[in-house]
C-alpha atoms as a PDB file:
ATOM      1  CA  MET A   1       0.000   0.000   0.000  1.00  0.00           C
ATOM      2  CA  ALA A   2       1.288   3.432  -0.894  1.00  0.00           C
ATOM      3  CA  GLU A   3       1.808   6.082   1.731  1.00  0.00           C
ATOM      4  CA  PHE A   4       0.219   8.796  -0.437  1.00  0.00           C
ATOM      5  CA  PRO A   5      -2.784   7.366  -2.245  1.00  0.00           C
ATOM      6  CA  MET A   6      -3.729   9.215  -5.407  1.00  0.00           C
ATOM      7  CA  PRO A   7      -7.152  10.845  -5.391  1.00  0.00           C
ATOM      8  CA  PRO A   8      -9.610   9.389  -7.872  1.00  0.00           C
ATOM      9  CA  PHE A   9      -9.810  11.125 -11.244  1.00  0.00           C
ATOM     10  CA  ASP A  10     -13.438  10.383 -11.979  1.00  0.00           C
ATOM     11  CA  CYS A  11     -14.031  13.830 -13.489  1.00  0.00           C
ATOM     12  CA  ALA A  12     -10.775  14.034 -15.509  1.00  0.00           C
ATOM     13  CA  PRO A  13     -12.367  12.848 -18.803  1.00  0.00           C
ATOM     14  CA  GLY A  14     -15.135  15.385 -18.281  1.00  0.00           C
ATOM     15  CA  LEU A  15     -12.622  18.167 -17.746  1.00  0.00           C
ATOM     16  CA  ARG A  16     -10.723  17.100 -20.837  1.00  0.00           C
ATOM     17  CA  LEU A  17     -13.928  17.129 -22.876  1.00  0.00           C
ATOM     18  CA  SER A  18     -14.820  20.541 -21.496  1.00  0.00           C
ATOM     19  CA  ALA A  19     -11.403  21.920 -22.448  1.00  0.00           C
ATOM     20  CA  HIS A  20     -11.730  20.409 -25.921  1.00  0.00           C
ATOM     21  CA  GLU A  21     -15.181  21.967 -26.366  1.00  0.00           C
ATOM     22  CA  LYS A  22     -13.814  25.350 -25.335  1.00  0.00           C
ATOM     23  CA  VAL A  23     -10.951  25.091 -27.834  1.00  0.00           C
ATOM     24  CA  ILE A  24     -13.405  24.120 -30.590  1.00  0.00           C
ATOM     25  CA  GLN A  25     -15.649  27.063 -29.664  1.00  0.00           C
ATOM     26  CA  ILE A  26     -12.705  29.477 -29.889  1.00  0.00           C
ATOM     27  CA  GLN A  27     -11.686  28.011 -33.240  1.00  0.00           C
ATOM     28  CA  LEU A  28     -15.237  28.353 -34.593  1.00  0.00           C
ATOM     29  CA  GLU A  29     -15.457  31.971 -33.432  1.00  0.00           C
ATOM     30  CA  THR A  30     -12.143  32.691 -35.126  1.00  0.00           C
ATOM     31  CA  LEU A  31     -13.315  31.016 -38.339  1.00  0.00           C
ATOM     32  CA  GLU A  32     -16.575  32.983 -38.306  1.00  0.00           C
ATOM     33  CA  ARG A  33     -14.709  36.255 -37.764  1.00  0.00           C
ATOM     34  CA  ARG A  34     -12.320  35.424 -40.619  1.00  0.00           C
ATOM     35  CA  GLN A  35     -15.238  34.490 -42.872  1.00  0.00           C
ATOM     36  CA  GLN A  36     -16.898  37.840 -42.154  1.00  0.00           C
ATOM     37  CA  GLN A  37     -13.653  39.638 -42.972  1.00  0.00           C
ATOM     38  CA  LEU A  38     -13.355  37.729 -46.249  1.00  0.00           C
ATOM     39  CA  GLU A  39     -16.975  38.525 -47.159  1.00  0.00           C
ATOM     40  CA  GLN A  40     -16.379  42.230 -46.481  1.00  0.00           C
ATOM     41  CA  PHE A  41     -13.234  42.135 -48.614  1.00  0.00           C
ATOM     42  CA  GLN A  42     -15.149  40.394 -51.402  1.00  0.00           C
ATOM     43  CA  GLU A  43     -17.903  43.030 -51.305  1.00  0.00           C
ATOM     44  CA  ARG A  44     -15.349  45.867 -51.525  1.00  0.00           C
ATOM     45  CA  LEU A  45     -13.562  44.126 -54.379  1.00  0.00           C
ATOM     46  CA  GLU A  46     -16.849  43.588 -56.201  1.00  0.00           C
ATOM     47  CA  ARG A  47     -17.737  47.295 -55.824  1.00  0.00           C
ATOM     48  CA  ARG A  48     -14.352  48.291 -57.232  1.00  0.00           C
ATOM     49  CA  LEU A  49     -14.774  45.887 -60.130  1.00  0.00           C
ATOM     50  CA  TRP A  50     -18.178  47.321 -61.033  1.00  0.00           C
ATOM     51  CA  LEU A  51     -16.829  50.882 -60.794  1.00  0.00           C
ATOM     52  CA  THR A  52     -14.039  49.889 -63.183  1.00  0.00           C
ATOM     53  CA  VAL A  53     -16.505  48.290 -65.602  1.00  0.00           C
ATOM     54  CA  TYR A  54     -18.748  51.365 -65.521  1.00  0.00           C
ATOM     55  CA  GLY A  55     -15.719  53.597 -66.062  1.00  0.00           C
ATOM     56  CA  VAL A  56     -14.563  51.612 -69.093  1.00  0.00           C
ATOM     57  CA  VAL A  57     -18.072  51.624 -70.576  1.00  0.00           C
ATOM     58  CA  ALA A  58     -18.321  55.387 -69.997  1.00  0.00           C
ATOM     59  CA  VAL A  59     -15.018  55.973 -71.799  1.00  0.00           C
ATOM     60  CA  ILE A  60     -16.100  53.796 -74.740  1.00  0.00           C
ATOM     61  CA  LEU A  61     -19.437  55.592 -75.003  1.00  0.00           C
ATOM     62  CA  MET A  62     -17.742  58.979 -74.752  1.00  0.00           C
ATOM     63  CA  ARG A  63     -15.305  58.107 -77.551  1.00  0.00           C
ATOM     64  CA  ALA A  64     -18.145  56.798 -79.705  1.00  0.00           C
ATOM     65  CA  PHE A  65     -20.145  59.970 -79.095  1.00  0.00           C
ATOM     66  CA  GLN A  66     -17.102  62.151 -79.886  1.00  0.00           C
ATOM     67  CA  SER A  67     -16.468  60.286 -83.143  1.00  0.00           C
ATOM     68  CA  PHE A  68     -20.137  60.621 -84.027  1.00  0.00           C
ATOM     69  CA  LEU A  69     -19.947  64.384 -83.455  1.00  0.00           C
ATOM     70  CA  THR A  70     -16.806  64.796 -85.571  1.00  0.00           C
ATOM     71  CA  MET A  71     -18.405  62.863 -88.462  1.00  0.00           C
ATOM     72  CA  ASN A  72     -21.299  65.368 -88.724  1.00  0.00           C
END
């Protein structure tokens, strides 16, 4: 018999599971935050793309209108 008996660890698996759940929760929150950041970046990029497309179309229409005016 040992002089210093070890206390039972009946709740150790529960504590390990709790710690694992907490780590998973933190990881999910981080993933959600990153996903929101990526969605915001995508929206900004999409706005810039459409502004560029509208700008190019405006230049083409302006050149066409100018050439039409110089023909008459």
